[in-house]
Amino acid sequence: MENKQIPYKSIAAYLRNTASDTDKQVLKEWVTASPENQQIFEEMIIRWNAISKEPAASPQVDYKQLWQRIQKTTNIVPSMKQPIHKMLHFYRYMSAAVLFGVICTLSLFFLLSKPSPAREMIVQTQKGQKVMIVLPDSTNVWLNGNTSITYSSDFSASNRSIILDGEAYFDVRHESDHPFIVHTETVDIVELGTAFNVNAYNDDPSVTVSLVRGELAVRAKADESILGVLEPNESLVIRKDNLEAKKYIADAETISLWHLNMLKINYFDQYQMWKAIANWYGVDIKVSNAPKNKTYYFTVKTQSLRELLNDVNKITPIDYDVDGETVIISYK
């Protein structure tokens, strides 16, 4: 489309934020017709934004003087390759908006339906907090305490990738051409149509992946080598320092009961147990004199923290002190 066909009226309506759907369509077709048209429009926006902050004092606008002021106030772009009388024709359409100081709030990219740059989307929980979210591809994700997931704002059915720090339970709809990938600090979990639990806190020495249903592959982040493929009721524990992976038979539904507001301590050593309890109740727990080869097995449902500590005391004698969000525990 030639420049002499510049749709001044539609541009004016757009900058005054009164453009109809027809105006937007006309403007879109003109701007996309050539790079020169797009440059002209961008320059109009820049110049209009500059003068719109200086409304005229009188309804009788001197358009020649107005155009001169535009040139003086905007030197960040080259002068338009347009006759001045055409530009004055454009600003006649804009004079009413100049008088009222209306500033354009829509952008060229929005008008043309161009995608905005992707942004990081972060969902984070605090200690003791549990949150369930639904991702744009209909995947359900439950976040345990002190957990975060990060994904791109352009996450979609064809771009299903997230970053996890903490523990999360995923119920994923299978898409054969677009696997759902969970990135952790050292390993990636690639679902093949599954429900699974990932325990991958950045400050833990290992990552544990437990499969409830479907099929799951776990691969090294560095070279994408496969560390293990899981079937239902199997867990894979991967050491972060050397990527040594061990597979175990496990009750995956029990391991992931936390997302149903039940905490299952399933033969946890004292380190695993107290970390899980700290996340569950949202407290900091400091332990001394802990036994090395003691494992625990019990379920937390509605017990208060003090009730739970009393239950642990029956299994292994302890002294404890609760001071706000800090718990001091000493094994006897």
Protein backbone atom coordinates (compact mmCIF):
# COMPACT_ATOMS: atom_id res chain seq x y z
CA MET A 1 0.00 0.00 0.00
CA GLU A 2 1.43 3.41 -0.94
CA ASN A 3 2.14 6.06 1.67
CA LYS A 4 -0.36 8.47 0.11
CA GLN A 5 -3.01 6.12 1.40
CA ILE A 6 -2.00 6.59 5.03
CA PRO A 7 -5.20 6.00 7.09
CA TYR A 8 -4.91 9.19 9.14
CA LYS A 9 -8.39 8.92 10.60
CA SER A 10 -7.84 5.38 11.88
CA ILE A 11 -4.45 6.32 13.31
CA ALA A 12 -5.98 9.31 15.07
CA ALA A 13 -8.72 7.13 16.57
CA TYR A 14 -6.12 4.63 17.70
CA LEU A 15 -3.95 7.21 19.44
CA ARG A 16 -7.03 8.74 21.08
CA ASN A 17 -7.95 5.24 22.31
CA THR A 18 -11.29 5.37 20.46
CA ALA A 19 -10.47 3.04 17.57
CA SER A 20 -13.24 0.74 16.44
CA ASP A 21 -12.62 -2.82 15.30
CA THR A 22 -12.76 -1.52 11.73
CA ASP A 23 -10.16 1.15 12.50
CA LYS A 24 -7.88 -1.45 14.03
CA GLN A 25 -8.22 -3.76 11.05
CA VAL A 26 -7.55 -0.94 8.56
CA LEU A 27 -4.50 0.14 10.55
CA LYS A 28 -3.21 -3.40 10.91
CA GLU A 29 -3.42 -4.00 7.16
CA TRP A 30 -1.64 -0.73 6.41
CA VAL A 31 1.17 -1.18 8.96
CA THR A 32 1.91 -4.75 7.87
CA ALA A 33 1.91 -3.82 4.19
CA SER A 34 5.51 -2.60 4.27
CA PRO A 35 8.41 -1.92 6.66
CA GLU A 36 8.21 1.76 5.68
CA ASN A 37 4.59 1.95 6.83
CA GLN A 38 5.50 0.39 10.15
CA GLN A 39 8.34 2.89 10.63
CA ILE A 40 6.03 5.79 9.83
CA PHE A 41 3.47 4.59 12.34
CA GLU A 42 6.07 4.06 15.08
CA GLU A 43 7.40 7.57 14.48
CA MET A 44 3.86 8.96 14.70
CA ILE A 45 3.41 7.27 18.08
CA ILE A 46 6.72 8.63 19.39
CA ARG A 47 5.98 12.15 18.22
CA TRP A 48 2.39 12.06 19.42
CA ASN A 49 3.43 10.89 22.89
CA ALA A 50 5.88 13.75 23.04
CA ILE A 51 3.40 16.53 22.19
CA SER A 52 0.38 15.02 23.94
CA LYS A 53 1.93 16.07 27.26
CA GLU A 54 1.69 19.69 26.13
CA PRO A 55 -1.97 20.38 25.31
CA ALA A 56 -2.70 23.49 23.30
CA ALA A 57 -4.01 26.49 25.21
CA SER A 58 -6.59 27.36 22.59
CA PRO A 59 -8.99 25.43 20.35
CA GLN A 60 -7.50 27.40 17.44
CA VAL A 61 -4.44 25.25 16.71
CA ASP A 62 -1.68 26.56 14.46
CA TYR A 63 -0.81 23.28 12.71
CA LYS A 64 2.40 24.57 11.17
CA GLN A 65 3.60 25.69 14.59
CA LEU A 66 2.46 22.37 16.05
CA TRP A 67 4.51 20.42 13.52
CA GLN A 68 7.56 22.55 14.25
CA ARG A 69 7.16 21.81 17.95
CA ILE A 70 6.96 18.10 17.18
CA GLN A 71 10.25 18.26 15.34
CA LYS A 72 11.90 20.15 18.20
CA THR A 73 10.67 17.82 20.93
CA THR A 74 11.55 14.56 19.19
CA ASN A 75 15.01 14.06 17.83
CA ILE A 76 15.33 10.34 18.52
CA VAL A 77 14.08 9.34 15.08
CA PRO A 78 14.80 10.70 11.61
CA SER A 79 12.32 13.04 10.00
CA MET A 80 9.48 11.35 8.20
CA LYS A 81 9.66 11.06 4.48
CA GLN A 82 6.25 12.70 4.20
CA PRO A 83 5.19 16.11 2.88
CA ILE A 84 4.42 18.50 5.74
CA HIS A 85 0.91 19.12 4.49
CA LYS A 86 0.13 15.42 4.91
CA MET A 87 1.43 15.46 8.46
CA LEU A 88 -0.65 18.54 9.23
CA HIS A 89 -3.62 16.68 7.80
CA PHE A 90 -2.93 13.93 10.33
CA TYR A 91 -2.66 16.35 13.25
CA ARG A 92 -5.96 17.99 12.34
CA TYR A 93 -7.50 14.65 13.22
CA MET A 94 -5.55 14.67 16.49
CA SER A 95 -6.20 18.26 17.64
CA ALA A 96 -9.12 17.41 19.94
CA ALA A 97 -7.04 14.80 21.71
CA VAL A 98 -4.15 17.27 22.03
CA LEU A 99 -6.45 19.76 23.75
CA PHE A 100 -7.47 17.19 26.36
CA GLY A 101 -4.00 15.72 26.82
CA VAL A 102 -5.04 12.17 26.02
CA ILE A 103 -2.03 9.88 26.08
CA CYS A 104 -1.94 6.68 24.08
CA THR A 105 -2.06 3.59 26.26
CA LEU A 106 -2.21 0.84 23.67
CA SER A 107 0.91 -0.33 21.87
CA LEU A 108 1.61 -1.07 18.25
CA PHE A 109 2.46 -4.64 19.10
CA PHE A 110 -0.83 -5.18 20.89
CA LEU A 111 -2.73 -3.77 17.95
CA LEU A 112 -1.04 -6.10 15.52
CA SER A 113 -1.55 -9.10 17.80
CA LYS A 114 2.16 -9.75 17.91
CA PRO A 115 3.19 -11.94 20.86
CA SER A 116 4.83 -10.07 23.72
CA PRO A 117 8.27 -11.23 24.90
CA ALA A 118 8.06 -14.31 27.08
CA ARG A 119 8.29 -13.64 30.82
CA GLU A 120 9.14 -15.86 33.77
CA MET A 121 6.10 -16.94 35.74
CA ILE A 122 6.88 -18.04 39.30
CA VAL A 123 4.60 -19.72 41.83
CA GLN A 124 6.13 -20.09 45.29
CA THR A 125 4.89 -21.45 48.61
CA GLN A 126 6.10 -20.73 52.12
CA LYS A 127 6.91 -23.33 54.74
CA GLY A 128 3.74 -25.04 55.89
CA GLN A 129 1.79 -23.84 52.85
CA LYS A 130 0.37 -26.10 50.14
CA VAL A 131 -1.03 -24.80 46.87
CA MET A 132 -2.72 -26.43 43.90
CA ILE A 133 -2.55 -24.74 40.48
CA VAL A 134 -3.67 -25.61 36.96
CA LEU A 135 -1.19 -24.90 34.16
CA PRO A 136 -2.36 -23.68 30.74
CA ASP A 137 -2.17 -27.22 29.30
CA SER A 138 -4.59 -28.44 32.05
CA THR A 139 -1.84 -30.12 34.08
CA ASN A 140 -2.67 -30.09 37.80
CA VAL A 141 0.26 -29.28 40.09
CA TRP A 142 0.32 -29.40 43.89
CA LEU A 143 3.20 -27.55 45.56
CA ASN A 144 4.40 -28.61 48.98
CA GLY A 145 5.81 -26.15 51.50
CA ASN A 146 8.86 -24.04 50.62
CA THR A 147 8.55 -24.93 46.92
CA SER A 148 8.65 -22.95 43.71
CA ILE A 149 7.96 -23.67 40.07
CA THR A 150 9.01 -21.41 37.22
CA TYR A 151 7.61 -21.51 33.71
CA SER A 152 7.42 -19.26 30.69
CA SER A 153 4.45 -17.02 29.98
CA ASP A 154 4.25 -18.73 26.57
CA PHE A 155 3.73 -22.11 28.24
CA SER A 156 1.25 -24.05 26.11
CA ALA A 157 0.23 -27.47 24.90
CA SER A 158 3.28 -27.45 22.63
CA ASN A 159 5.73 -25.93 25.10
CA ARG A 160 5.40 -27.82 28.38
CA SER A 161 8.47 -27.19 30.47
CA ILE A 162 8.87 -26.02 34.07
CA ILE A 163 11.65 -25.60 36.63
CA LEU A 164 11.12 -27.05 40.12
CA ASP A 165 12.80 -26.28 43.43
CA GLY A 166 11.10 -28.24 46.20
CA GLU A 167 8.44 -30.93 46.17
CA ALA A 168 5.50 -31.12 43.81
CA TYR A 169 2.90 -33.62 42.69
CA PHE A 170 1.96 -33.59 39.00
CA ASP A 171 -1.10 -35.00 37.29
CA VAL A 172 -0.26 -34.61 33.61
CA ARG A 173 -2.39 -35.14 30.52
CA HIS A 174 -0.41 -37.12 27.99
CA GLU A 175 0.54 -35.49 24.69
CA SER A 176 2.67 -37.88 22.64
CA ASP A 177 4.24 -35.12 20.55
CA HIS A 178 4.77 -32.71 23.45
CA PRO A 179 6.09 -34.37 26.63
CA PHE A 180 5.83 -32.52 29.93
CA ILE A 181 9.33 -31.85 31.31
CA VAL A 182 10.27 -30.96 34.88
CA HIS A 183 13.73 -29.44 35.18
CA THR A 184 15.51 -29.69 38.53
CA GLU A 185 18.99 -28.65 39.58
CA THR A 186 20.68 -31.80 38.25
CA VAL A 187 18.09 -33.97 36.49
CA ASP A 188 15.11 -33.61 34.18
CA ILE A 189 11.92 -35.65 34.49
CA VAL A 190 10.17 -36.40 31.21
CA GLU A 191 6.59 -37.62 31.58
CA LEU A 192 5.00 -40.05 29.20
CA GLY A 193 1.43 -39.58 30.49
CA THR A 194 1.60 -39.74 34.24
CA ALA A 195 0.90 -38.77 37.79
CA PHE A 196 4.11 -38.48 39.77
CA ASN A 197 5.82 -36.90 42.75
CA VAL A 198 9.17 -35.08 42.63
CA ASN A 199 11.13 -34.18 45.75
CA ALA A 200 13.94 -31.90 44.57
CA TYR A 201 14.80 -29.20 47.07
CA ASN A 202 17.95 -27.42 45.95
CA ASP A 203 19.57 -27.84 49.37
CA ASP A 204 18.99 -31.61 49.51
CA PRO A 205 21.77 -34.03 48.46
CA SER A 206 19.45 -36.08 46.28
CA VAL A 207 16.35 -35.99 44.09
CA THR A 208 13.55 -38.52 44.54
CA VAL A 209 11.01 -39.23 41.80
CA SER A 210 8.04 -41.50 42.53
CA LEU A 211 5.58 -42.67 39.87
CA VAL A 212 1.90 -43.15 40.66
CA ARG A 213 0.70 -44.11 37.18
CA GLY A 214 1.84 -44.07 33.58
CA GLU A 215 5.51 -44.03 32.56
CA LEU A 216 8.35 -41.70 33.41
CA ALA A 217 11.92 -41.15 32.25
CA VAL A 218 14.57 -39.38 34.32
CA ARG A 219 17.61 -38.00 32.54
CA ALA A 220 20.76 -36.12 33.47
CA LYS A 221 20.49 -32.39 32.95
CA ALA A 222 24.04 -32.04 31.63
CA ASP A 223 24.05 -34.56 28.78
CA GLU A 224 20.43 -35.87 28.71
CA SER A 225 21.60 -39.43 29.38
CA ILE A 226 18.81 -41.62 30.78
CA LEU A 227 19.26 -42.36 34.49
CA GLY A 228 16.15 -44.51 34.82
CA VAL A 229 12.69 -45.29 33.49
CA LEU A 230 9.96 -45.76 36.09
CA GLU A 231 6.86 -47.89 36.17
CA PRO A 232 4.00 -47.34 38.66
CA ASN A 233 4.96 -47.70 42.33
CA GLU A 234 8.65 -47.26 41.70
CA SER A 235 10.90 -44.52 43.06
CA LEU A 236 14.23 -43.37 41.70
CA VAL A 237 16.68 -41.67 44.06
CA ILE A 238 19.47 -39.74 42.34
CA ARG A 239 22.48 -38.39 44.19
CA LYS A 240 23.28 -34.88 42.98
CA ASP A 241 27.06 -35.10 43.42
CA ASN A 242 27.67 -38.08 41.13
CA LEU A 243 24.22 -38.77 39.58
CA GLU A 244 24.19 -42.27 41.01
CA ALA A 245 20.62 -43.51 40.62
CA LYS A 246 18.90 -46.30 42.55
CA LYS A 247 15.44 -47.64 41.88
CA TYR A 248 13.15 -48.90 44.63
CA ILE A 249 9.73 -50.48 44.88
CA ALA A 250 7.60 -47.86 46.62
CA ASP A 251 4.03 -46.99 47.50
CA ALA A 252 3.92 -43.87 45.34
CA GLU A 253 0.38 -42.93 46.36
CA THR A 254 1.43 -42.98 50.00
CA ILE A 255 4.51 -40.89 49.28
CA SER A 256 2.35 -38.26 47.57
CA LEU A 257 -0.38 -38.20 50.23
CA TRP A 258 0.81 -34.75 51.28
CA HIS A 259 -1.12 -33.25 48.37
CA LEU A 260 -4.26 -34.65 50.01
CA ASN A 261 -3.28 -33.04 53.34
CA MET A 262 -1.77 -36.16 54.84
CA LEU A 263 1.95 -36.48 55.57
CA LYS A 264 3.31 -40.01 55.38
CA ILE A 265 6.65 -40.60 57.09
CA ASN A 266 7.55 -43.76 55.24
CA TYR A 267 10.69 -45.29 56.76
CA PHE A 268 12.38 -41.89 56.73
CA ASP A 269 15.69 -41.40 58.49
CA GLN A 270 15.79 -38.57 61.03
CA TYR A 271 17.05 -36.06 58.46
CA GLN A 272 14.21 -36.79 56.02
CA MET A 273 11.64 -36.90 58.80
CA TRP A 274 12.46 -33.57 60.42
CA LYS A 275 12.76 -31.81 57.07
CA ALA A 276 9.33 -33.12 56.05
CA ILE A 277 7.85 -32.07 59.40
CA ALA A 278 9.45 -28.61 59.18
CA ASN A 279 7.91 -28.08 55.74
CA TRP A 280 4.57 -29.45 56.89
CA TYR A 281 4.21 -27.13 59.89
CA GLY A 282 6.16 -24.18 58.49
CA VAL A 283 8.85 -24.11 61.18
CA ASP A 284 12.63 -24.30 61.48
CA ILE A 285 13.80 -27.42 63.30
CA LYS A 286 17.26 -27.77 64.82
CA VAL A 287 18.27 -31.26 65.95
CA SER A 288 21.16 -32.51 68.06
CA ASN A 289 22.33 -35.99 69.20
CA ALA A 290 20.26 -37.66 66.46
CA PRO A 291 20.68 -41.44 66.01
CA LYS A 292 22.27 -42.47 62.72
CA ASN A 293 20.44 -45.66 61.82
CA LYS A 294 16.93 -44.95 63.05
CA THR A 295 14.02 -44.87 60.59
CA TYR A 296 10.45 -43.73 61.21
CA TYR A 297 7.08 -44.80 59.88
CA PHE A 298 3.86 -42.96 60.74
CA THR A 299 1.17 -40.71 59.22
CA VAL A 300 0.38 -37.11 60.12
CA LYS A 301 -3.22 -36.04 59.60
CA THR A 302 -4.66 -33.45 61.97
CA GLN A 303 -2.14 -33.50 64.82
CA SER A 304 -0.79 -30.24 66.09
CA LEU A 305 2.98 -29.81 66.14
CA ARG A 306 3.18 -30.47 69.88
CA GLU A 307 1.02 -33.60 69.53
CA LEU A 308 3.35 -34.84 66.80
CA LEU A 309 6.44 -34.17 68.92
CA ASN A 310 4.88 -36.12 71.76
CA ASP A 311 4.25 -39.02 69.36
CA VAL A 312 7.89 -38.96 68.21
CA ASN A 313 8.96 -38.90 71.86
CA LYS A 314 7.14 -42.21 72.35
CA ILE A 315 9.15 -43.76 69.51
CA THR A 316 12.52 -42.20 70.34
CA PRO A 317 12.87 -40.18 73.57
CA ILE A 318 13.51 -36.51 72.86
CA ASP A 319 13.51 -33.15 74.59
CA TYR A 320 12.01 -30.30 72.61
CA ASP A 321 11.35 -26.60 72.91
CA VAL A 322 8.98 -24.68 70.65
CA ASP A 323 9.72 -20.97 70.42
CA GLY A 324 7.51 -19.38 67.78
CA GLU A 325 8.64 -20.78 64.44
CA THR A 326 11.81 -22.36 65.84
CA VAL A 327 11.87 -25.87 67.33
CA ILE A 328 14.92 -27.14 69.24
CA ILE A 329 15.10 -30.95 69.52
CA SER A 330 17.65 -33.01 71.42
CA TYR A 331 17.63 -36.79 71.47
CA LYS A 332 18.09 -38.27 74.94
